[in-house]
Protein backbone atom coordinates (compact mmCIF):
# COMPACT_ATOMS: atom_id res chain seq x y z
CA MET A 1 84.88 116.78 108.93
CA PRO A 2 88.24 116.89 107.15
CA THR A 3 91.33 115.31 108.67
CA TYR A 4 94.46 117.45 108.69
CA GLU A 5 97.97 116.15 109.32
CA TYR A 6 100.50 118.19 111.27
CA GLU A 7 104.20 117.76 112.03
CA CYS A 8 106.07 119.25 114.97
CA LEU A 9 109.16 121.22 113.93
CA GLU A 10 110.96 120.34 117.18
CA CYS A 11 110.18 116.70 118.04
CA LYS A 12 109.10 115.63 114.50
CA ASN A 13 105.89 114.11 115.92
CA ARG A 14 103.19 113.64 113.28
CA PHE A 15 99.53 113.67 114.26
CA ASP A 16 96.10 113.97 112.68
CA VAL A 17 93.38 116.39 113.76
CA PHE A 18 89.72 116.42 112.74
CA GLN A 19 88.88 120.06 112.07
CA SER A 20 86.20 122.06 110.39
CA ILE A 21 87.26 124.05 107.35
CA ASN A 22 86.41 127.21 109.31
CA ASP A 23 88.64 126.31 112.31
CA ASN A 24 92.03 127.98 112.74
CA PRO A 25 95.05 125.72 112.14
CA ILE A 26 96.72 124.06 115.13
CA GLU A 27 99.83 125.98 116.26
CA GLN A 28 101.29 123.78 119.02
CA CYS A 29 102.35 120.14 119.14
CA ILE A 30 100.11 117.94 121.29
CA LYS A 31 103.21 116.16 122.64
CA CYS A 32 105.82 118.87 123.37
CA ASN A 33 103.96 122.17 122.72
CA GLY A 34 106.46 123.05 119.96
CA LYS A 35 105.58 124.82 116.71
CA VAL A 36 103.83 122.70 114.09
CA ARG A 37 103.28 122.91 110.36
CA LYS A 38 100.38 121.57 108.35
CA LEU A 39 101.26 118.78 105.93
CA PHE A 40 99.54 118.32 102.60
CA GLY A 41 98.94 114.79 101.38
CA LYS A 42 98.80 113.52 97.85
CA ALA A 43 95.48 113.43 96.10
CA GLY A 44 94.42 110.64 93.78
CA ILE A 45 93.39 112.09 90.43
CA ILE A 46 91.85 110.21 87.53
CA PHE A 47 91.55 111.88 84.14
CA LYS A 48 88.79 110.41 82.03
CA GLY A 49 88.21 111.03 78.38
CA SER A 50 90.44 111.29 75.37
CA GLY A 51 93.50 113.46 75.04
CA PHE A 52 95.09 113.18 78.47
CA TYR A 53 97.69 110.53 77.66
CA THR A 54 98.44 108.65 74.47
CA THR A 55 97.88 105.18 75.89
CA ASP A 56 94.72 105.95 77.87
CA TYR A 57 91.57 104.20 76.77
CA LYS A 58 92.98 103.04 73.41
CA GLN A 59 91.62 99.52 73.83
CA LYS A 60 88.03 100.76 73.64
CA GLU A 61 88.75 102.55 70.36
CA ARG A 62 90.29 99.44 68.84
CA LEU A 63 87.36 97.27 69.88
CA ALA A 64 84.95 99.73 68.32
CA GLY A 65 86.92 99.71 65.05
CA VAL A 66 87.42 103.47 64.97
CA ASN A 67 90.75 105.18 64.44
CA LYS A 68 91.87 108.59 65.75
CA ASP A 69 90.29 110.43 62.81
CA GLY A 70 86.89 108.99 63.70
CA ARG A 71 86.73 106.87 60.55
CA SER A 72 86.31 103.12 60.49
CA GLU A 73 89.51 101.19 60.14
CA ALA A 74 89.74 99.40 56.82
CA THR A 75 91.90 96.32 56.78
CA PRO A 76 94.23 96.30 53.79
CA ALA A 77 93.83 93.39 51.40
CA ARG A 78 96.62 90.86 51.46
CA ALA A 79 98.60 90.43 48.25
CA ASP A 80 98.00 86.68 48.02
CA SER A 81 94.24 87.04 48.40
CA GLU A 82 93.78 89.43 45.49
CA SER A 83 91.58 88.12 42.73
CA HIS A 84 93.36 87.34 39.49
CA PRO A 85 91.45 86.60 36.31
CA GLU A 86 91.75 82.99 35.36
CA THR A 87 93.19 82.42 31.91
CA ASN A 88 92.60 79.22 30.03
CA SER A 89 95.30 78.35 27.60
CA THR A 90 94.53 75.74 25.04
CA SER A 91 96.93 74.40 22.54
CA ASP A 92 95.66 73.32 19.16
């Protein structure tokens, strides 16, 4: 059964009530019989998948070696590691 939180508008007492979804909401405070209002708590939400936030799940993409376009990341060659033809100069 769900737990609902109520707050009294007169004495500011907060209390929880286990109620069925089909039950009518509580109308009176259990402490002073004043009017109450139902409070709504925060819900924890987790978005999974790509496209929800730019930093979500980027580590997995990097480890797999795939960029945003879906192509493999090619590492650019460093300038000092390029192959240069060796020239032999001989003097006669």
